Amino acid sequence: MPQIISPDQLEDFIGKEVGLSDWLTVDQERINQFADATGDHQYIHVDPERAAQTPFGTTIAHGFLTTSLMVMMGYEGALKLENTIMGINYGFDKLRFINPVKVNSQIRGRFKLLSAEEKKPNHYLLKHEVTVEINGEEKPALIAEWLGMTVVG
């Protein structure tokens, strides 16, 4: 469940962990659907027999699939502002893929608020550090500095 705060409380949360999503299983069907949506059918993602012969030993999720799943994780883990009208993806300051997500792995997002700035009245630019963890793995799948513009009413 996300933390919902008023904009005047933002300063109190900068530099702190603000949420953790539930675990999400990345199965082959989701990987195949992402391959179809993006046209990226490289065998390491969609061909279990060939992928078994790689150092990964199985198929792996696309890095951008893992990144895209941060949206779902963010509904549970990112900080939310009261009276939000809309949120707009503003991009990334940093995105690093650290460890591949093997098929049927479980991942979750850990969210830390790095900064918050009112860019114009009722428009708040929030930067979260997101660490996408892989269940049972020491190294995370990725670490990102994700920017989002929240418009409140």
Protein backbone atom coordinates (compact mmCIF):
# COMPACT_ATOMS: atom_id res chain seq x y z
CA MET A 1 0.00 0.00 0.00
CA PRO A 2 1.55 3.33 -1.01
CA GLN A 3 2.14 6.12 1.46
CA ILE A 4 -0.09 9.09 0.69
CA ILE A 5 1.12 12.44 2.00
CA SER A 6 0.45 16.13 1.49
CA PRO A 7 2.94 18.12 -0.60
CA ASP A 8 4.04 20.08 2.48
CA GLN A 9 5.32 16.80 4.00
CA LEU A 10 7.66 15.99 1.09
CA GLU A 11 10.80 17.37 2.76
CA ASP A 12 10.33 14.90 5.64
CA PHE A 13 10.64 11.94 3.25
CA ILE A 14 13.67 12.95 1.14
CA GLY A 15 16.46 10.43 1.53
CA LYS A 16 14.15 7.82 3.08
CA GLU A 17 12.74 4.54 1.87
CA VAL A 18 9.07 5.18 1.17
CA GLY A 19 7.75 1.84 -0.02
CA LEU A 20 8.20 -1.73 -1.17
CA SER A 21 6.02 -3.49 -3.74
CA ASP A 22 4.77 -7.05 -3.57
CA TRP A 23 6.66 -9.79 -5.39
CA LEU A 24 5.74 -10.24 -9.06
CA THR A 25 6.53 -13.38 -11.08
CA VAL A 26 8.04 -12.81 -14.52
CA ASP A 27 6.85 -15.82 -16.53
CA GLN A 28 7.52 -16.80 -20.13
CA GLU A 29 4.10 -15.62 -21.30
CA ARG A 30 4.82 -12.07 -20.06
CA ILE A 31 8.27 -12.16 -21.70
CA ASN A 32 6.75 -13.37 -25.00
CA GLN A 33 4.06 -10.67 -24.91
CA PHE A 34 6.72 -8.00 -24.37
CA ALA A 35 8.73 -9.45 -27.28
CA ASP A 36 5.64 -9.21 -29.48
CA ALA A 37 4.90 -5.64 -28.35
CA THR A 38 8.44 -4.41 -29.00
CA GLY A 39 9.56 -6.65 -31.86
CA ASP A 40 12.53 -7.86 -29.78
CA HIS A 41 12.44 -11.62 -30.32
CA GLN A 42 16.10 -12.31 -29.52
CA TYR A 43 16.42 -15.98 -28.62
CA ILE A 44 17.69 -15.32 -25.09
CA HIS A 45 14.18 -14.06 -24.34
CA VAL A 46 11.88 -16.33 -26.34
CA ASP A 47 13.62 -19.62 -27.19
CA PRO A 48 14.04 -21.79 -24.08
CA GLU A 49 16.06 -24.48 -25.88
CA ARG A 50 18.66 -22.10 -27.30
CA ALA A 51 18.69 -19.95 -24.15
CA ALA A 52 19.47 -23.07 -22.09
CA GLN A 53 22.82 -23.22 -23.91
CA THR A 54 23.82 -19.71 -22.80
CA PRO A 55 25.52 -18.80 -19.51
CA PHE A 56 22.04 -17.82 -18.23
CA GLY A 57 20.83 -21.42 -18.58
CA THR A 58 17.30 -20.28 -19.41
CA THR A 59 15.39 -17.42 -20.99
CA ILE A 60 15.67 -13.99 -19.40
CA ALA A 61 13.37 -10.99 -19.32
CA HIS A 62 14.18 -7.99 -21.49
CA GLY A 63 15.81 -5.23 -19.46
CA PHE A 64 13.13 -2.86 -20.70
CA LEU A 65 10.41 -5.30 -19.60
CA THR A 66 11.82 -5.19 -16.08
CA THR A 67 11.96 -1.40 -16.33
CA SER A 68 8.35 -1.26 -17.57
CA LEU A 69 7.18 -3.37 -14.64
CA MET A 70 8.33 -0.57 -12.34
CA VAL A 71 5.05 1.13 -13.22
CA MET A 72 3.08 -1.70 -11.61
CA MET A 73 5.47 -1.76 -8.66
CA GLY A 74 5.17 1.99 -8.29
CA TYR A 75 1.44 1.79 -7.66
CA GLU A 76 2.34 -0.08 -4.47
CA GLY A 77 5.72 1.35 -3.51
CA ALA A 78 6.21 4.91 -4.72
CA LEU A 79 5.20 7.91 -2.61
CA LYS A 80 1.83 9.42 -3.56
CA LEU A 81 0.53 12.94 -3.00
CA GLU A 82 -2.93 13.74 -1.72
CA ASN A 83 -5.43 15.02 -4.28
CA THR A 84 -3.39 13.75 -7.22
CA ILE A 85 -5.05 14.53 -10.54
CA MET A 86 -2.46 12.70 -12.64
CA GLY A 87 1.07 11.39 -12.72
CA ILE A 88 3.31 11.82 -15.74
CA ASN A 89 6.38 9.72 -16.48
CA TYR A 90 9.21 12.27 -16.75
CA GLY A 91 12.07 9.89 -17.54
CA PHE A 92 15.22 8.72 -15.82
CA ASP A 93 18.38 10.35 -14.55
CA LYS A 94 20.00 6.92 -14.23
CA LEU A 95 19.17 3.37 -15.26
CA ARG A 96 21.56 0.46 -14.82
CA PHE A 97 20.85 -3.21 -15.53
CA ILE A 98 22.84 -5.20 -12.99
CA ASN A 99 21.55 -8.77 -12.99
CA PRO A 100 19.36 -10.60 -15.53
CA VAL A 101 15.86 -11.64 -14.52
CA LYS A 102 15.53 -15.33 -15.36
CA VAL A 103 12.17 -16.71 -16.39
CA ASN A 104 9.83 -17.44 -13.45
CA SER A 105 11.85 -15.23 -11.10
CA GLN A 106 10.04 -13.03 -8.64
CA ILE A 107 10.90 -9.34 -8.56
CA ARG A 108 9.84 -6.39 -6.43
CA GLY A 109 10.57 -2.67 -6.29
CA ARG A 110 12.12 -0.85 -3.34
CA PHE A 111 11.47 2.92 -3.49
CA LYS A 112 13.46 5.72 -1.88
CA LEU A 113 12.57 9.39 -2.40
CA LEU A 114 15.68 11.27 -3.55
CA SER A 115 14.21 14.70 -4.26
CA ALA A 116 11.01 16.66 -4.64
CA GLU A 117 10.56 20.03 -6.29
CA GLU A 118 7.50 22.12 -7.07
CA LYS A 119 8.25 23.08 -10.69
CA LYS A 120 5.17 25.30 -11.02
CA PRO A 121 2.08 25.60 -8.85
CA ASN A 122 0.67 22.14 -8.02
CA HIS A 123 3.24 20.33 -10.25
CA TYR A 124 5.74 18.30 -8.22
CA LEU A 125 8.75 16.61 -9.77
CA LEU A 126 9.57 13.57 -7.62
CA LYS A 127 12.74 11.54 -8.07
CA HIS A 128 12.67 8.03 -6.65
CA GLU A 129 15.59 5.67 -6.48
CA VAL A 130 14.12 2.32 -7.46
CA THR A 131 15.92 -0.93 -6.79
CA VAL A 132 14.29 -3.90 -8.48
CA GLU A 133 15.21 -6.91 -6.37
CA ILE A 134 15.18 -10.53 -7.51
CA ASN A 135 13.98 -13.02 -4.92
CA GLY A 136 16.91 -15.19 -3.81
CA GLU A 137 19.56 -13.12 -5.61
CA GLU A 138 22.15 -10.96 -3.89
CA LYS A 139 22.38 -8.45 -6.75
CA PRO A 140 19.29 -6.54 -7.92
CA ALA A 141 17.99 -6.63 -11.47
CA LEU A 142 18.36 -2.88 -11.86
CA ILE A 143 18.78 0.41 -10.09
CA ALA A 144 17.11 3.52 -11.47
CA GLU A 145 16.58 7.16 -10.64
CA TRP A 146 13.03 7.58 -11.90
CA LEU A 147 11.41 10.97 -12.40
CA GLY A 148 7.69 11.54 -12.18
CA MET A 149 5.62 14.72 -12.36
CA THR A 150 2.64 14.66 -10.02
CA VAL A 151 -0.14 17.16 -10.61
CA VAL A 152 -2.37 17.84 -7.62
CA GLY A 153 -5.67 19.67 -7.42
